[in-house]
Amino acid sequence: MSAGFRIFTERPLPDPELVRAYGAFATAPVADAMNRMCAMNPCARLLSNAEGTMSGAALTVRARPGDSLMIHKALNMAGEGDVLVVSGGEPGRSLMGELMFRYAASKGLAGIVVDGAVRDADCLSELALPVFASGTTPGGPYRQGPGEINVPVVCCGQCVEPGDIILGDRDGVIVIPSGDAAALYETARQFHEKDAEKTRKARGGLFDRDWVDGVLAAKRCEIIEGVWKDRR
């Protein structure tokens, strides 16, 4: 087996109904339901004109830094509802552009996440396909390889395995491991509903701040009445 230059044609896929159900949630409450350990770093920025929550199954690409050959092959392999997750960014060199975005949209992909830069920003401003990347640069990629498809990758600070559920919105991107997705769903739904209720109250001017002092007391924080200099 040619490690570093190989393509796995199959991957475990989550239940499509479960993927669609997660798409009704924002990323933040689902991240909270996972103990806040599943979010990609801010390099995963939404650059296109997408609305709502991206939800799909990860098709992973480990690209050679600054090289798009395996990304093109993954696009040929991708199907409706997939999220293309790409590692291999390099400063000053984009990995994808308008032709690739429009091809992805024509195939019904749920979205694209690139740990690196892309280009053709004018296209992104009108594109409904969710495209997350660190930014833009006019510098183009090479197309020589090597690379790998459908292997575990690290994208924007998070490990992603093929078939994981990827959620994305204007806050960013989170990763739901495929083996945890079904068991997590009910907890995520409860977090979503609680978050919606707290947001509704806040928009009406109602805020619960008592929990702050409760946490401080439980952690035995000393509260001193007076000015710091008075202690000398």
Protein backbone atom coordinates (compact mmCIF):
# COMPACT_ATOMS: atom_id res chain seq x y z
CA MET A 1 0.00 0.00 0.00
CA SER A 2 1.42 3.39 -1.02
CA ALA A 3 1.14 5.41 2.19
CA GLY A 4 0.90 9.11 1.42
CA PHE A 5 -0.43 8.62 -2.10
CA ARG A 6 -3.59 6.53 -1.89
CA ILE A 7 -7.35 6.70 -2.22
CA PHE A 8 -9.87 4.72 -0.20
CA THR A 9 -13.03 4.46 -2.27
CA GLU A 10 -15.38 3.68 0.62
CA ARG A 11 -16.10 5.17 4.05
CA PRO A 12 -18.69 4.62 6.78
CA LEU A 13 -21.66 6.93 6.28
CA PRO A 14 -24.04 8.23 8.94
CA ASP A 15 -27.81 7.86 8.74
CA PRO A 16 -29.00 10.54 6.25
CA GLU A 17 -32.00 11.31 8.47
CA LEU A 18 -29.69 11.96 11.41
CA VAL A 19 -27.54 14.26 9.29
CA ARG A 20 -30.64 16.21 8.25
CA ALA A 21 -31.84 16.38 11.86
CA TYR A 22 -28.56 17.90 13.02
CA GLY A 23 -28.93 20.52 10.29
CA ALA A 24 -31.81 22.06 12.28
CA PHE A 25 -29.38 23.09 15.05
CA ALA A 26 -26.87 25.91 15.29
CA THR A 27 -23.27 24.87 15.87
CA ALA A 28 -22.89 26.53 19.28
CA PRO A 29 -25.37 24.46 21.34
CA VAL A 30 -24.17 21.23 19.72
CA ALA A 31 -20.59 22.19 20.60
CA ASP A 32 -21.73 22.82 24.18
CA ALA A 33 -23.37 19.39 24.24
CA MET A 34 -19.98 17.89 23.35
CA ASN A 35 -18.26 19.58 26.31
CA ARG A 36 -17.00 22.34 23.99
CA MET A 37 -14.26 20.11 22.60
CA CYS A 38 -15.33 19.72 18.96
CA ALA A 39 -14.95 23.14 17.31
CA MET A 40 -12.49 23.96 14.56
CA ASN A 41 -10.38 27.05 15.15
CA PRO A 42 -11.23 30.43 13.58
CA CYS A 43 -9.37 29.54 10.38
CA ALA A 44 -12.64 27.84 9.37
CA ARG A 45 -14.41 31.06 8.34
CA LEU A 46 -17.57 31.14 6.25
CA LEU A 47 -16.59 32.99 3.07
CA SER A 48 -19.60 32.30 0.85
CA ASN A 49 -23.16 33.62 0.97
CA ALA A 50 -24.63 30.50 2.58
CA GLU A 51 -27.53 30.64 5.04
CA GLY A 52 -28.52 28.29 7.83
CA THR A 53 -26.51 25.31 9.05
CA MET A 54 -24.35 23.14 6.83
CA SER A 55 -24.73 19.47 7.76
CA GLY A 56 -23.13 16.59 5.91
CA ALA A 57 -20.83 13.58 5.96
CA ALA A 58 -17.09 14.22 5.78
CA LEU A 59 -15.19 13.23 2.65
CA THR A 60 -11.61 13.89 3.75
CA VAL A 61 -8.59 14.93 1.72
CA ARG A 62 -5.02 15.09 2.97
CA ALA A 63 -3.46 17.25 0.30
CA ARG A 64 0.18 17.98 -0.21
CA PRO A 65 0.59 21.59 1.02
CA GLY A 66 -0.37 23.91 -1.82
CA ASP A 67 -1.38 21.08 -4.17
CA SER A 68 -4.94 20.40 -5.41
CA LEU A 69 -4.64 17.15 -7.40
CA MET A 70 -6.29 14.98 -4.74
CA ILE A 71 -8.95 17.61 -4.12
CA HIS A 72 -9.96 17.38 -7.78
CA LYS A 73 -10.17 13.59 -7.48
CA ALA A 74 -12.25 13.87 -4.31
CA LEU A 75 -14.67 16.20 -6.08
CA ASN A 76 -15.11 13.56 -8.78
CA MET A 77 -15.88 11.01 -6.05
CA ALA A 78 -18.14 13.24 -3.93
CA GLY A 79 -21.89 12.87 -3.85
CA GLU A 80 -24.94 14.74 -2.67
CA GLY A 81 -24.78 15.66 1.00
CA ASP A 82 -21.01 15.29 1.38
CA VAL A 83 -18.83 17.89 3.04
CA LEU A 84 -15.37 18.06 1.49
CA VAL A 85 -12.84 18.48 4.34
CA VAL A 86 -9.35 19.42 3.15
CA SER A 87 -6.03 19.68 4.99
CA GLY A 88 -2.85 20.87 3.33
CA GLY A 89 -3.00 24.65 3.27
CA GLU A 90 0.11 26.70 2.53
CA PRO A 91 0.49 30.48 3.04
CA GLY A 92 0.18 32.37 -0.22
CA ARG A 93 -1.29 29.48 -2.21
CA SER A 94 -5.00 28.78 -2.66
CA LEU A 95 -6.31 25.23 -2.84
CA MET A 96 -9.67 25.82 -4.57
CA GLY A 97 -11.39 28.37 -6.75
CA GLU A 98 -14.60 29.18 -8.62
CA LEU A 99 -14.54 26.28 -11.11
CA MET A 100 -14.19 23.80 -8.27
CA PHE A 101 -16.86 25.50 -6.16
CA ARG A 102 -19.37 25.48 -8.98
CA TYR A 103 -18.63 21.84 -9.76
CA ALA A 104 -19.19 20.97 -6.09
CA ALA A 105 -22.48 22.86 -6.08
CA SER A 106 -23.62 21.10 -9.26
CA LYS A 107 -23.12 17.75 -7.53
CA GLY A 108 -25.16 18.74 -4.49
CA LEU A 109 -22.37 18.82 -1.93
CA ALA A 110 -23.45 20.09 1.48
CA GLY A 111 -20.31 22.22 1.82
CA ILE A 112 -16.53 22.63 1.73
CA VAL A 113 -14.06 23.16 4.57
CA VAL A 114 -10.46 24.03 3.65
CA ASP A 115 -7.65 24.36 6.18
CA GLY A 116 -6.00 27.05 4.09
CA ALA A 117 -6.79 29.70 1.52
CA VAL A 118 -9.06 29.73 -1.53
CA ARG A 119 -9.52 32.26 -4.33
CA ASP A 120 -12.13 33.89 -6.59
CA ALA A 121 -13.70 35.94 -3.81
CA ASP A 122 -16.21 37.60 -6.17
CA CYS A 123 -17.76 34.20 -6.81
CA LEU A 124 -17.97 33.44 -3.09
CA SER A 125 -20.00 36.58 -2.42
CA GLU A 126 -22.86 35.17 -4.51
CA LEU A 127 -22.39 31.45 -3.85
CA ALA A 128 -25.03 29.64 -1.77
CA LEU A 129 -22.75 26.63 -1.25
CA PRO A 130 -21.15 26.84 2.23
CA VAL A 131 -17.41 27.37 1.78
CA PHE A 132 -15.23 27.65 4.89
CA ALA A 133 -11.56 28.59 4.61
CA SER A 134 -8.91 30.72 6.33
CA GLY A 135 -9.06 33.49 3.72
CA THR A 136 -8.25 34.22 0.11
CA THR A 137 -5.14 34.64 -2.03
CA PRO A 138 -4.71 34.86 -5.81
CA GLY A 139 -1.81 32.41 -5.73
CA GLY A 140 -2.89 29.13 -7.32
CA PRO A 141 -2.07 25.53 -6.36
CA TYR A 142 0.04 22.92 -8.05
CA ARG A 143 -1.66 19.76 -9.34
CA GLN A 144 0.93 17.04 -8.94
CA GLY A 145 0.17 15.20 -5.69
CA PRO A 146 0.79 13.20 -3.63
CA GLY A 147 -2.01 13.05 -1.07
CA GLU A 148 -4.70 10.82 0.37
CA ILE A 149 -8.51 10.58 0.28
CA ASN A 150 -10.83 9.15 2.94
CA VAL A 151 -8.21 8.99 5.68
CA PRO A 152 -8.20 10.78 9.06
CA VAL A 153 -7.06 14.40 8.74
CA VAL A 154 -6.51 17.37 11.02
CA CYS A 155 -8.45 20.36 9.72
CA CYS A 156 -8.33 23.71 11.50
CA GLY A 157 -7.23 22.06 14.72
CA GLN A 158 -9.76 19.21 14.80
CA CYS A 159 -9.33 15.56 13.89
CA VAL A 160 -11.83 14.50 11.22
CA GLU A 161 -12.44 10.94 10.15
CA PRO A 162 -14.23 9.95 6.94
CA GLY A 163 -17.97 9.85 7.55
CA ASP A 164 -17.99 12.16 10.58
CA ILE A 165 -20.87 14.63 10.62
CA ILE A 166 -19.70 18.18 9.90
CA LEU A 167 -21.83 21.14 10.99
CA GLY A 168 -21.08 24.72 9.99
CA ASP A 169 -22.68 28.15 10.24
CA ARG A 170 -21.55 31.75 10.67
CA ASP A 171 -19.91 30.85 14.00
CA GLY A 172 -17.68 28.26 12.33
CA VAL A 173 -17.41 24.49 12.03
CA ILE A 174 -17.76 21.58 14.47
CA VAL A 175 -17.06 17.85 14.10
CA ILE A 176 -19.42 15.14 15.39
CA PRO A 177 -17.64 11.75 15.38
CA SER A 178 -19.81 9.30 13.48
CA GLY A 179 -19.71 6.77 16.31
CA ASP A 180 -21.12 9.31 18.77
CA ALA A 181 -23.69 11.04 16.55
CA ALA A 182 -26.76 8.92 17.28
CA ALA A 183 -26.23 8.81 21.05
CA LEU A 184 -25.46 12.53 21.19
CA TYR A 185 -28.52 13.69 19.27
CA GLU A 186 -31.00 13.92 22.16
CA THR A 187 -28.52 15.83 24.33
CA ALA A 188 -27.79 18.19 21.43
CA ARG A 189 -31.53 18.76 20.93
CA GLN A 190 -31.95 19.67 24.60
CA PHE A 191 -29.01 22.09 24.48
CA HIS A 192 -30.48 23.63 21.34
CA GLU A 193 -33.88 24.19 22.98
CA LYS A 194 -32.37 25.62 26.18
CA ASP A 195 -30.15 27.95 24.16
CA ALA A 196 -33.14 29.14 22.11
CA GLU A 197 -35.11 29.86 25.28
CA LYS A 198 -32.27 31.82 26.91
CA THR A 199 -31.80 33.80 23.71
CA ARG A 200 -35.52 34.57 23.56
CA LYS A 201 -35.45 35.91 27.13
CA ALA A 202 -32.30 37.95 26.50
CA ARG A 203 -33.88 39.60 23.47
CA GLY A 204 -36.76 40.54 25.76
CA GLY A 205 -34.43 42.08 28.35
CA LEU A 206 -34.50 39.17 30.82
CA PHE A 207 -31.15 37.93 32.14
CA ASP A 208 -30.19 35.39 34.80
CA ARG A 209 -26.79 36.33 36.27
CA ASP A 210 -27.06 34.60 39.67
CA TRP A 211 -25.11 31.61 38.40
CA VAL A 212 -21.88 33.65 38.34
CA ASP A 213 -21.74 34.11 42.11
CA GLY A 214 -22.88 30.54 42.56
CA VAL A 215 -19.88 29.22 40.64
CA LEU A 216 -17.47 31.54 42.46
CA ALA A 217 -18.80 30.39 45.82
CA ALA A 218 -18.53 26.72 44.86
CA LYS A 219 -14.90 27.29 43.85
CA ARG A 220 -14.19 29.19 47.11
CA CYS A 221 -13.23 32.49 45.52
CA GLU A 222 -12.45 35.06 48.22
CA ILE A 223 -14.50 38.24 47.90
CA ILE A 224 -13.05 41.20 49.84
CA GLU A 225 -15.07 44.32 50.54
CA GLY A 226 -12.69 47.20 49.97
CA VAL A 227 -9.85 48.51 47.82
CA TRP A 228 -6.76 46.44 47.00
CA LYS A 229 -4.36 49.03 48.42
CA ASP A 230 -6.11 48.90 51.80
CA ARG A 231 -4.54 45.48 52.39
CA ARG A 232 -1.00 46.84 52.76
